């Protein structure tokens, strides 16, 4: 059963635009750089995301959103807790991020 991993960032107001773009590019690149621990092949089904452009005004400071889809909870769990590429990415964005919100779900499970 696939798992959708939603990540919302509030980027610091004084963050350099080029640094933010580079961080977003690195996030999207995780689709290819995150390798399954046994097969050594990419295991993320999809990643998409970008800068908020909602006209609703309900962002509460959130500036960027990303959606990552995994084939299983096991793949998601490995990504979150162990995957070296993901861990390196997390370390690389610390100076840019004010707040992070993560919501994971299985479609149709309420």
PDB file of N, CA and C in Angstrom:
ATOM      1  N   UNK A   1       0.836  -1.180   0.000  1.00  0.00           N
ATOM      2  CA  UNK A   1       0.000   0.000   0.000  1.00  0.00           C
ATOM      3  C   UNK A   1       0.880   1.242   0.000  1.00  0.00           C
ATOM      4  N   UNK A   2       0.679   2.134  -0.952  1.00  0.00           N
ATOM      5  CA  UNK A   2       1.557   3.298  -1.073  1.00  0.00           C
ATOM      6  C   UNK A   2       1.300   4.307   0.044  1.00  0.00           C
ATOM      7  N   UNK A   3       2.346   5.074   0.347  1.00  0.00           N
ATOM      8  CA  UNK A   3       2.294   6.105   1.378  1.00  0.00           C
ATOM      9  C   UNK A   3       2.675   7.433   0.737  1.00  0.00           C
ATOM     10  N   UNK A   4       1.872   8.448   1.004  1.00  0.00           N
ATOM     11  CA  UNK A   4       2.167   9.799   0.543  1.00  0.00           C
ATOM     12  C   UNK A   4       2.752  10.574   1.715  1.00  0.00           C
ATOM     13  N   UNK A   5       3.905  11.161   1.482  1.00  0.00           N
ATOM     14  CA  UNK A   5       4.683  11.897   2.498  1.00  0.00           C
ATOM     15  C   UNK A   5       4.671  13.361   2.069  1.00  0.00           C
ATOM     16  N   UNK A   6       3.954  14.194   2.822  1.00  0.00           N
ATOM     17  CA  UNK A   6       3.808  15.611   2.492  1.00  0.00           C
ATOM     18  C   UNK A   6       4.704  16.423   3.412  1.00  0.00           C
ATOM     19  N   UNK A   7       5.537  17.278   2.824  1.00  0.00           N
ATOM     20  CA  UNK A   7       6.493  18.084   3.588  1.00  0.00           C
ATOM     21  C   UNK A   7       6.255  19.556   3.255  1.00  0.00           C
ATOM     22  N   UNK A   8       6.042  20.353   4.293  1.00  0.00           N
ATOM     23  CA  UNK A   8       5.813  21.783   4.130  1.00  0.00           C
ATOM     24  C   UNK A   8       6.909  22.542   4.870  1.00  0.00           C
ATOM     25  N   UNK A   9       7.512  23.500   4.188  1.00  0.00           N
ATOM     26  CA  UNK A   9       8.592  24.293   4.767  1.00  0.00           C
ATOM     27  C   UNK A   9       8.188  25.751   4.895  1.00  0.00           C
ATOM     28  N   UNK A  10       8.611  26.360   5.986  1.00  0.00           N
ATOM     29  CA  UNK A  10       8.626  27.814   6.090  1.00  0.00           C
ATOM     30  C   UNK A  10      10.087  28.206   5.969  1.00  0.00           C
ATOM     31  N   UNK A  11      10.431  28.801   4.842  1.00  0.00           N
ATOM     32  CA  UNK A  11      11.807  29.233   4.606  1.00  0.00           C
ATOM     33  C   UNK A  11      12.013  30.565   5.325  1.00  0.00           C
ATOM     34  N   UNK A  12      13.178  30.736   5.940  1.00  0.00           N
ATOM     35  CA  UNK A  12      13.485  31.973   6.655  1.00  0.00           C
ATOM     36  C   UNK A  12      13.401  33.168   5.710  1.00  0.00           C
ATOM     37  N   UNK A  13      12.874  34.264   6.211  1.00  0.00           N
ATOM     38  CA  UNK A  13      12.652  35.461   5.399  1.00  0.00           C
ATOM     39  C   UNK A  13      13.943  36.006   4.798  1.00  0.00           C
ATOM     40  N   UNK A  14      15.058  35.833   5.484  1.00  0.00           N
ATOM     41  CA  UNK A  14      16.329  36.381   4.996  1.00  0.00           C
ATOM     42  C   UNK A  14      17.142  35.378   4.172  1.00  0.00           C
ATOM     43  N   UNK A  15      16.536  34.236   3.821  1.00  0.00           N
ATOM     44  CA  UNK A  15      17.263  33.219   3.045  1.00  0.00           C
ATOM     45  C   UNK A  15      17.528  33.732   1.631  1.00  0.00           C
ATOM     46  N   UNK A  16      18.710  33.443   1.140  1.00  0.00           N
ATOM     47  CA  UNK A  16      19.102  33.822  -0.216  1.00  0.00           C
ATOM     48  C   UNK A  16      18.296  32.998  -1.230  1.00  0.00           C
ATOM     49  N   UNK A  17      17.722  33.668  -2.223  1.00  0.00           N
ATOM     50  CA  UNK A  17      16.876  32.998  -3.218  1.00  0.00           C
ATOM     51  C   UNK A  17      17.616  31.887  -3.963  1.00  0.00           C
ATOM     52  N   UNK A  18      18.889  32.092  -4.263  1.00  0.00           N
ATOM     53  CA  UNK A  18      19.658  31.052  -4.963  1.00  0.00           C
ATOM     54  C   UNK A  18      19.861  29.831  -4.069  1.00  0.00           C
ATOM     55  N   UNK A  19      20.071  30.060  -2.778  1.00  0.00           N
ATOM     56  CA  UNK A  19      20.226  28.947  -1.837  1.00  0.00           C
ATOM     57  C   UNK A  19      18.918  28.161  -1.708  1.00  0.00           C
ATOM     58  N   UNK A  20      17.801  28.871  -1.692  1.00  0.00           N
ATOM     59  CA  UNK A  20      16.497  28.215  -1.602  1.00  0.00           C
ATOM     60  C   UNK A  20      16.252  27.378  -2.854  1.00  0.00           C
ATOM     61  N   UNK A  21      16.524  27.932  -4.022  1.00  0.00           N
ATOM     62  CA  UNK A  21      16.347  27.183  -5.277  1.00  0.00           C
ATOM     63  C   UNK A  21      17.229  25.942  -5.281  1.00  0.00           C
ATOM     64  N   UNK A  22      18.471  26.084  -4.850  1.00  0.00           N
ATOM     65  CA  UNK A  22      19.387  24.932  -4.809  1.00  0.00           C
ATOM     66  C   UNK A  22      18.861  23.859  -3.856  1.00  0.00           C
ATOM     67  N   UNK A  23      18.331  24.264  -2.703  1.00  0.00           N
ATOM     68  CA  UNK A  23      17.783  23.301  -1.749  1.00  0.00           C
ATOM     69  C   UNK A  23      16.572  22.582  -2.346  1.00  0.00           C
ATOM     70  N   UNK A  24      15.706  23.320  -3.035  1.00  0.00           N
ATOM     71  CA  UNK A  24      14.543  22.698  -3.668  1.00  0.00           C
ATOM     72  C   UNK A  24      14.968  21.721  -4.759  1.00  0.00           C
ATOM     73  N   UNK A  25      15.975  22.093  -5.526  1.00  0.00           N
ATOM     74  CA  UNK A  25      16.501  21.186  -6.558  1.00  0.00           C
ATOM     75  C   UNK A  25      17.067  19.913  -5.923  1.00  0.00           C
ATOM     76  N   UNK A  26      17.749  20.062  -4.781  1.00  0.00           N
ATOM     77  CA  UNK A  26      18.298  18.884  -4.083  1.00  0.00           C
ATOM     78  C   UNK A  26      17.173  17.991  -3.563  1.00  0.00           C
ATOM     79  N   UNK A  27      16.095  18.608  -3.091  1.00  0.00           N
ATOM     80  CA  UNK A  27      14.961  17.814  -2.609  1.00  0.00           C
ATOM     81  C   UNK A  27      14.410  16.977  -3.759  1.00  0.00           C
ATOM     82  N   UNK A  28      14.135  17.600  -4.892  1.00  0.00           N
ATOM     83  CA  UNK A  28      13.599  16.880  -6.049  1.00  0.00           C
ATOM     84  C   UNK A  28      14.566  15.785  -6.511  1.00  0.00           C
ATOM     85  N   UNK A  29      15.860  16.045  -6.426  1.00  0.00           N
ATOM     86  CA  UNK A  29      16.878  15.075  -6.855  1.00  0.00           C
ATOM     87  C   UNK A  29      16.930  13.838  -5.959  1.00  0.00           C
ATOM     88  N   UNK A  30      16.327  13.899  -4.774  1.00  0.00           N
ATOM     89  CA  UNK A  30      16.305  12.714  -3.904  1.00  0.00           C
ATOM     90  C   UNK A  30      15.628  11.535  -4.591  1.00  0.00           C
ATOM     91  N   UNK A  31      14.750  11.807  -5.536  1.00  0.00           N
ATOM     92  CA  UNK A  31      14.081  10.730  -6.286  1.00  0.00           C
ATOM     93  C   UNK A  31      15.097   9.775  -6.903  1.00  0.00           C
ATOM     94  N   UNK A  32      16.229  10.309  -7.341  1.00  0.00           N
ATOM     95  CA  UNK A  32      17.259   9.473  -7.974  1.00  0.00           C
ATOM     96  C   UNK A  32      18.406   9.118  -7.035  1.00  0.00           C
ATOM     97  N   UNK A  33      18.657   9.955  -6.045  1.00  0.00           N
ATOM     98  CA  UNK A  33      19.826   9.703  -5.178  1.00  0.00           C
ATOM     99  C   UNK A  33      19.523   8.801  -3.992  1.00  0.00           C
ATOM    100  N   UNK A  34      18.266   8.655  -3.618  1.00  0.00           N
ATOM    101  CA  UNK A  34      17.902   7.746  -2.529  1.00  0.00           C
ATOM    102  C   UNK A  34      17.810   6.327  -3.093  1.00  0.00           C
ATOM    103  N   UNK A  35      18.658   5.453  -2.577  1.00  0.00           N
ATOM    104  CA  UNK A  35      18.737   4.083  -3.098  1.00  0.00           C
ATOM    105  C   UNK A  35      18.269   3.084  -2.052  1.00  0.00           C
ATOM    106  N   UNK A  36      17.516   2.102  -2.507  1.00  0.00           N
ATOM    107  CA  UNK A  36      17.009   1.057  -1.620  1.00  0.00           C
ATOM    108  C   UNK A  36      18.184   0.297  -1.007  1.00  0.00           C
ATOM    109  N   UNK A  37      18.114  -0.024   0.283  1.00  0.00           N
ATOM    110  CA  UNK A  37      19.268  -0.644   0.959  1.00  0.00           C
ATOM    111  C   UNK A  37      19.627  -2.035   0.453  1.00  0.00           C
ATOM    112  N   UNK A  38      18.695  -2.770  -0.136  1.00  0.00           N
ATOM    113  CA  UNK A  38      19.035  -4.112  -0.623  1.00  0.00           C
ATOM    114  C   UNK A  38      19.200  -4.171  -2.138  1.00  0.00           C
ATOM    115  N   UNK A  39      18.359  -3.451  -2.876  1.00  0.00           N
ATOM    116  CA  UNK A  39      18.452  -3.507  -4.340  1.00  0.00           C
ATOM    117  C   UNK A  39      19.417  -2.469  -4.910  1.00  0.00           C
ATOM    118  N   UNK A  40      19.749  -1.470  -4.109  1.00  0.00           N
ATOM    119  CA  UNK A  40      20.639  -0.379  -4.531  1.00  0.00           C
ATOM    120  C   UNK A  40      20.096   0.364  -5.761  1.00  0.00           C
ATOM    121  N   UNK A  41      18.765   0.443  -5.850  1.00  0.00           N
ATOM    122  CA  UNK A  41      18.110   1.174  -6.932  1.00  0.00           C
ATOM    123  C   UNK A  41      17.193   2.240  -6.318  1.00  0.00           C
ATOM    124  N   UNK A  42      16.871   3.281  -7.069  1.00  0.00           N
ATOM    125  CA  UNK A  42      15.955   4.302  -6.545  1.00  0.00           C
ATOM    126  C   UNK A  42      14.614   3.672  -6.151  1.00  0.00           C
ATOM    127  N   UNK A  43      14.057   4.121  -5.033  1.00  0.00           N
ATOM    128  CA  UNK A  43      12.822   3.527  -4.526  1.00  0.00           C
ATOM    129  C   UNK A  43      11.703   4.535  -4.312  1.00  0.00           C
ATOM    130  N   UNK A  44      11.953   5.814  -4.494  1.00  0.00           N
ATOM    131  CA  UNK A  44      10.901   6.813  -4.376  1.00  0.00           C
ATOM    132  C   UNK A  44      10.101   6.806  -5.678  1.00  0.00           C
ATOM    133  N   UNK A  45       8.777   6.650  -5.564  1.00  0.00           N
ATOM    134  CA  UNK A  45       7.935   6.589  -6.759  1.00  0.00           C
ATOM    135  C   UNK A  45       7.861   7.950  -7.446  1.00  0.00           C
ATOM    136  N   UNK A  46       7.543   8.990  -6.696  1.00  0.00           N
ATOM    137  CA  UNK A  46       7.442  10.336  -7.266  1.00  0.00           C
ATOM    138  C   UNK A  46       7.802  11.384  -6.221  1.00  0.00           C
ATOM    139  N   UNK A  47       8.308  12.507  -6.697  1.00  0.00           N
ATOM    140  CA  UNK A  47       8.482  13.706  -5.872  1.00  0.00           C
ATOM    141  C   UNK A  47       8.053  14.888  -6.731  1.00  0.00           C
ATOM    142  N   UNK A  48       7.242  15.744  -6.138  1.00  0.00           N
ATOM    143  CA  UNK A  48       6.924  17.005  -6.796  1.00  0.00           C
ATOM    144  C   UNK A  48       6.776  18.068  -5.718  1.00  0.00           C
ATOM    145  N   UNK A  49       6.977  19.307  -6.114  1.00  0.00           N
ATOM    146  CA  UNK A  49       6.842  20.371  -5.140  1.00  0.00           C
ATOM    147  C   UNK A  49       7.251  21.702  -5.701  1.00  0.00           C
ATOM    148  N   UNK A  50       7.126  22.726  -4.874  1.00  0.00           N
ATOM    149  CA  UNK A  50       7.510  24.058  -5.279  1.00  0.00           C
ATOM    150  C   UNK A  50       7.087  25.107  -4.281  1.00  0.00           C
ATOM    151  N   UNK A  51       7.208  26.354  -4.710  1.00  0.00           N
ATOM    152  CA  UNK A  51       6.892  27.512  -3.884  1.00  0.00           C
ATOM    153  C   UNK A  51       5.374  27.725  -3.854  1.00  0.00           C
ATOM    154  N   UNK A  52       4.869  28.058  -2.673  1.00  0.00           N
ATOM    155  CA  UNK A  52       3.438  28.309  -2.511  1.00  0.00           C
ATOM    156  C   UNK A  52       2.976  29.442  -3.413  1.00  0.00           C
ATOM    157  N   UNK A  53       1.796  29.273  -3.996  1.00  0.00           N
ATOM    158  CA  UNK A  53       1.183  30.354  -4.771  1.00  0.00           C
ATOM    159  C   UNK A  53      -0.327  30.430  -4.524  1.00  0.00           C
ATOM    160  N   UNK A  54      -0.789  29.912  -3.393  1.00  0.00           N
ATOM    161  CA  UNK A  54      -2.215  29.895  -3.091  1.00  0.00           C
ATOM    162  C   UNK A  54      -2.735  31.303  -2.802  1.00  0.00           C
ATOM    163  N   UNK A  55      -3.887  31.647  -3.366  1.00  0.00           N
ATOM    164  CA  UNK A  55      -4.491  32.948  -3.099  1.00  0.00           C
ATOM    165  C   UNK A  55      -5.340  32.967  -1.817  1.00  0.00           C
ATOM    166  N   UNK A  56      -5.463  31.822  -1.132  1.00  0.00           N
ATOM    167  CA  UNK A  56      -6.370  31.726   0.009  1.00  0.00           C
ATOM    168  C   UNK A  56      -5.877  32.436   1.271  1.00  0.00           C
ATOM    169  N   UNK A  57      -4.559  32.606   1.395  1.00  0.00           N
ATOM    170  CA  UNK A  57      -4.025  33.263   2.581  1.00  0.00           C
ATOM    171  C   UNK A  57      -4.047  32.409   3.834  1.00  0.00           C
ATOM    172  N   UNK A  58      -4.046  31.102   3.669  1.00  0.00           N
ATOM    173  CA  UNK A  58      -4.113  30.178   4.812  1.00  0.00           C
ATOM    174  C   UNK A  58      -2.791  29.460   5.061  1.00  0.00           C
ATOM    175  N   UNK A  59      -1.697  29.988   4.551  1.00  0.00           N
ATOM    176  CA  UNK A  59      -0.404  29.307   4.607  1.00  0.00           C
ATOM    177  C   UNK A  59       0.217  29.294   6.002  1.00  0.00           C
ATOM    178  N   UNK A  60      -0.145  30.224   6.864  1.00  0.00           N
ATOM    179  CA  UNK A  60       0.431  30.301   8.209  1.00  0.00           C
ATOM    180  C   UNK A  60       1.950  30.298   8.176  1.00  0.00           C
ATOM    181  N   UNK A  61       2.526  30.999   7.218  1.00  0.00           N
ATOM    182  CA  UNK A  61       3.972  31.120   7.117  1.00  0.00           C
ATOM    183  C   UNK A  61       4.646  30.101   6.221  1.00  0.00           C
ATOM    184  N   UNK A  62       3.926  29.050   5.838  1.00  0.00           N
ATOM    185  CA  UNK A  62       4.516  28.014   4.986  1.00  0.00           C
ATOM    186  C   UNK A  62       4.771  28.603   3.600  1.00  0.00           C
ATOM    187  N   UNK A  63       5.979  28.366   3.075  1.00  0.00           N
ATOM    188  CA  UNK A  63       6.377  28.955   1.795  1.00  0.00           C
ATOM    189  C   UNK A  63       6.560  27.940   0.674  1.00  0.00           C
ATOM    190  N   UNK A  64       6.838  26.686   1.022  1.00  0.00           N
ATOM    191  CA  UNK A  64       7.128  25.660   0.013  1.00  0.00           C
ATOM    192  C   UNK A  64       6.495  24.338   0.440  1.00  0.00           C
ATOM    193  N   UNK A  65       6.042  23.566  -0.544  1.00  0.00           N
ATOM    194  CA  UNK A  65       5.468  22.265  -0.264  1.00  0.00           C
ATOM    195  C   UNK A  65       5.977  21.207  -1.222  1.00  0.00           C
ATOM    196  N   UNK A  66       6.111  19.993  -0.704  1.00  0.00           N
ATOM    197  CA  UNK A  66       6.583  18.859  -1.498  1.00  0.00           C
ATOM    198  C   UNK A  66       5.747  17.630  -1.166  1.00  0.00           C
ATOM    199  N   UNK A  67       5.545  16.791  -2.159  1.00  0.00           N
ATOM    200  CA  UNK A  67       4.816  15.542  -1.990  1.00  0.00           C
ATOM    201  C   UNK A  67       5.697  14.416  -2.513  1.00  0.00           C
ATOM    202  N   UNK A  68       5.952  13.438  -1.643  1.00  0.00           N
ATOM    203  CA  UNK A  68       6.803  12.298  -1.975  1.00  0.00           C
ATOM    204  C   UNK A  68       5.953  11.040  -1.841  1.00  0.00           C
ATOM    205  N   UNK A  69       5.984  10.187  -2.865  1.00  0.00           N
ATOM    206  CA  UNK A  69       5.198   8.957  -2.808  1.00  0.00           C
ATOM    207  C   UNK A  69       6.115   7.743  -2.740  1.00  0.00           C
ATOM    208  N   UNK A  70       5.785   6.868  -1.794  1.00  0.00           N
ATOM    209  CA  UNK A  70       6.523   5.620  -1.588  1.00  0.00           C
ATOM    210  C   UNK A  70       5.608   4.431  -1.840  1.00  0.00           C
ATOM    211  N   UNK A  71       6.190   3.310  -2.246  1.00  0.00           N
ATOM    212  CA  UNK A  71       5.414   2.092  -2.490  1.00  0.00           C
ATOM    213  C   UNK A  71       4.929   1.449  -1.202  1.00  0.00           C
ATOM    214  N   UNK A  72       5.633   1.712  -0.100  1.00  0.00           N
ATOM    215  CA  UNK A  72       5.278   1.048   1.150  1.00  0.00           C
ATOM    216  C   UNK A  72       5.696   1.899   2.346  1.00  0.00           C
ATOM    217  N   UNK A  73       5.104   1.583   3.487  1.00  0.00           N
ATOM    218  CA  UNK A  73       5.500   2.245   4.733  1.00  0.00           C
ATOM    219  C   UNK A  73       6.955   1.925   5.069  1.00  0.00           C
ATOM    220  N   UNK A  74       7.401   0.733   4.714  1.00  0.00           N
ATOM    221  CA  UNK A  74       8.796   0.353   4.981  1.00  0.00           C
ATOM    222  C   UNK A  74       9.762   1.249   4.214  1.00  0.00           C
ATOM    223  N   UNK A  75       9.447   1.518   2.957  1.00  0.00           N
ATOM    224  CA  UNK A  75      10.300   2.425   2.176  1.00  0.00           C
ATOM    225  C   UNK A  75      10.301   3.820   2.785  1.00  0.00           C
ATOM    226  N   UNK A  76       9.121   4.310   3.164  1.00  0.00           N
ATOM    227  CA  UNK A  76       9.023   5.624   3.801  1.00  0.00           C
ATOM    228  C   UNK A  76       9.832   5.669   5.096  1.00  0.00           C
ATOM    229  N   UNK A  77       9.719   4.623   5.893  1.00  0.00           N
ATOM    230  CA  UNK A  77      10.426   4.583   7.172  1.00  0.00           C
ATOM    231  C   UNK A  77      11.934   4.594   6.976  1.00  0.00           C
ATOM    232  N   UNK A  78      12.422   3.848   5.985  1.00  0.00           N
ATOM    233  CA  UNK A  78      13.852   3.855   5.686  1.00  0.00           C
ATOM    234  C   UNK A  78      14.292   5.255   5.258  1.00  0.00           C
ATOM    235  N   UNK A  79      13.518   5.878   4.402  1.00  0.00           N
ATOM    236  CA  UNK A  79      13.806   7.227   3.926  1.00  0.00           C
ATOM    237  C   UNK A  79      13.905   8.202   5.098  1.00  0.00           C
ATOM    238  N   UNK A  80      12.917   8.178   5.966  1.00  0.00           N
ATOM    239  CA  UNK A  80      12.840   9.130   7.071  1.00  0.00           C
ATOM    240  C   UNK A  80      13.966   8.930   8.079  1.00  0.00           C
ATOM    241  N   UNK A  81      14.261   7.684   8.412  1.00  0.00           N
ATOM    242  CA  UNK A  81      15.175   7.442   9.532  1.00  0.00           C
ATOM    243  C   UNK A  81      16.608   7.095   9.156  1.00  0.00           C
ATOM    244  N   UNK A  82      16.837   6.597   7.936  1.00  0.00           N
ATOM    245  CA  UNK A  82      18.144   6.010   7.648  1.00  0.00           C
ATOM    246  C   UNK A  82      18.793   6.465   6.354  1.00  0.00           C
ATOM    247  N   UNK A  83      18.038   6.656   5.299  1.00  0.00           N
ATOM    248  CA  UNK A  83      18.624   6.886   3.974  1.00  0.00           C
ATOM    249  C   UNK A  83      19.700   7.982   4.028  1.00  0.00           C
ATOM    250  N   UNK A  84      20.946   7.655   3.640  1.00  0.00           N
ATOM    251  CA  UNK A  84      22.037   8.635   3.742  1.00  0.00           C
ATOM    252  C   UNK A  84      21.824   9.890   2.902  1.00  0.00           C
ATOM    253  N   UNK A  85      21.248   9.750   1.719  1.00  0.00           N
ATOM    254  CA  UNK A  85      21.000  10.929   0.880  1.00  0.00           C
ATOM    255  C   UNK A  85      19.992  11.864   1.534  1.00  0.00           C
ATOM    256  N   UNK A  86      18.945  11.297   2.107  1.00  0.00           N
ATOM    257  CA  UNK A  86      17.950  12.114   2.797  1.00  0.00           C
ATOM    258  C   UNK A  86      18.554  12.763   4.042  1.00  0.00           C
ATOM    259  N   UNK A  87      19.336  12.003   4.793  1.00  0.00           N
ATOM    260  CA  UNK A  87      19.963  12.564   5.992  1.00  0.00           C
ATOM    261  C   UNK A  87      20.896  13.724   5.633  1.00  0.00           C
ATOM    262  N   UNK A  88      21.648  13.578   4.558  1.00  0.00           N
ATOM    263  CA  UNK A  88      22.526  14.670   4.093  1.00  0.00           C
ATOM    264  C   UNK A  88      21.710  15.893   3.686  1.00  0.00           C
ATOM    265  N   UNK A  89      20.586  15.661   3.001  1.00  0.00           N
ATOM    266  CA  UNK A  89      19.725  16.768   2.613  1.00  0.00           C
ATOM    267  C   UNK A  89      19.227  17.514   3.848  1.00  0.00           C
ATOM    268  N   UNK A  90      18.763  16.778   4.847  1.00  0.00           N
ATOM    269  CA  UNK A  90      18.254  17.413   6.066  1.00  0.00           C
ATOM    270  C   UNK A  90      19.313  18.303   6.708  1.00  0.00           C
ATOM    271  N   UNK A  91      20.533  17.814   6.769  1.00  0.00           N
ATOM    272  CA  UNK A  91      21.623  18.613   7.346  1.00  0.00           C
ATOM    273  C   UNK A  91      21.883  19.873   6.520  1.00  0.00           C
ATOM    274  N   UNK A  92      21.707  19.780   5.216  1.00  0.00           N
ATOM    275  CA  UNK A  92      22.050  20.890   4.325  1.00  0.00           C
ATOM    276  C   UNK A  92      21.050  22.046   4.373  1.00  0.00           C
ATOM    277  N   UNK A  93      19.834  21.821   4.876  1.00  0.00           N
ATOM    278  CA  UNK A  93      18.823  22.873   4.832  1.00  0.00           C
ATOM    279  C   UNK A  93      18.599  23.567   6.173  1.00  0.00           C
ATOM    280  N   UNK A  94      19.310  23.158   7.187  1.00  0.00           N
ATOM    281  CA  UNK A  94      19.082  23.695   8.527  1.00  0.00           C
ATOM    282  C   UNK A  94      19.114  25.208   8.612  1.00  0.00           C
ATOM    283  N   UNK A  95      20.018  25.842   7.898  1.00  0.00           N
ATOM    284  CA  UNK A  95      20.147  27.299   7.965  1.00  0.00           C
ATOM    285  C   UNK A  95      19.044  28.027   7.200  1.00  0.00           C
ATOM    286  N   UNK A  96      18.324  27.326   6.353  1.00  0.00           N
ATOM    287  CA  UNK A  96      17.296  27.956   5.520  1.00  0.00           C
ATOM    288  C   UNK A  96      15.888  27.868   6.105  1.00  0.00           C
ATOM    289  N   UNK A  97      15.663  26.884   6.963  1.00  0.00           N
ATOM    290  CA  UNK A  97      14.301  26.530   7.355  1.00  0.00           C
ATOM    291  C   UNK A  97      13.941  27.073   8.735  1.00  0.00           C
ATOM    292  N   UNK A  98      12.797  27.722   8.779  1.00  0.00           N
ATOM    293  CA  UNK A  98      12.224  28.231  10.028  1.00  0.00           C
ATOM    294  C   UNK A  98      11.355  27.166  10.690  1.00  0.00           C
ATOM    295  N   UNK A  99      10.534  26.476   9.860  1.00  0.00           N
ATOM    296  CA  UNK A  99       9.581  25.501  10.374  1.00  0.00           C
ATOM    297  C   UNK A  99       9.359  24.420   9.322  1.00  0.00           C
ATOM    298  N   UNK A 100       9.123  23.195   9.794  1.00  0.00           N
ATOM    299  CA  UNK A 100       8.794  22.075   8.911  1.00  0.00           C
ATOM    300  C   UNK A 100       7.544  21.394   9.461  1.00  0.00           C
ATOM    301  N   UNK A 101       6.631  21.075   8.562  1.00  0.00           N
ATOM    302  CA  UNK A 101       5.441  20.285   8.904  1.00  0.00           C
ATOM    303  C   UNK A 101       5.431  19.075   7.992  1.00  0.00           C
ATOM    304  N   UNK A 102       5.232  17.895   8.570  1.00  0.00           N
ATOM    305  CA  UNK A 102       5.165  16.660   7.789  1.00  0.00           C
ATOM    306  C   UNK A 102       3.850  15.953   8.103  1.00  0.00           C
ATOM    307  N   UNK A 103       3.144  15.573   7.048  1.00  0.00           N
ATOM    308  CA  UNK A 103       1.922  14.783   7.185  1.00  0.00           C
ATOM    309  C   UNK A 103       2.021  13.625   6.193  1.00  0.00           C
ATOM    310  N   UNK A 104       1.892  12.406   6.699  1.00  0.00           N
ATOM    311  CA  UNK A 104       1.915  11.211   5.857  1.00  0.00           C
ATOM    312  C   UNK A 104       0.535  10.571   5.877  1.00  0.00           C
ATOM    313  N   UNK A 105       0.169   9.969   4.753  1.00  0.00           N
ATOM    314  CA  UNK A 105      -1.122   9.286   4.723  1.00  0.00           C
ATOM    315  C   UNK A 105      -1.130   8.174   3.684  1.00  0.00           C
ATOM    316  N   UNK A 106      -2.058   7.239   3.901  1.00  0.00           N
ATOM    317  CA  UNK A 106      -2.382   6.213   2.923  1.00  0.00           C
ATOM    318  C   UNK A 106      -3.719   6.625   2.337  1.00  0.00           C
ATOM    319  N   UNK A 107      -3.780   6.760   1.019  1.00  0.00           N
ATOM    320  CA  UNK A 107      -4.981   7.229   0.349  1.00  0.00           C
ATOM    321  C   UNK A 107      -6.173   6.352   0.708  1.00  0.00           C
ATOM    322  N   UNK A 108      -7.253   6.991   1.132  1.00  0.00           N
ATOM    323  CA  UNK A 108      -8.477   6.285   1.450  1.00  0.00           C
ATOM    324  C   UNK A 108      -8.554   5.728   2.846  1.00  0.00           C
ATOM    325  N   UNK A 109      -7.489   5.827   3.636  1.00  0.00           N
ATOM    326  CA  UNK A 109      -7.506   5.327   5.012  1.00  0.00           C
ATOM    327  C   UNK A 109      -7.815   6.494   5.933  1.00  0.00           C
ATOM    328  N   UNK A 110      -9.010   6.497   6.506  1.00  0.00           N
ATOM    329  CA  UNK A 110      -9.487   7.641   7.295  1.00  0.00           C
ATOM    330  C   UNK A 110      -9.579   7.323   8.759  1.00  0.00           C
TER     331      UNK A 110
END
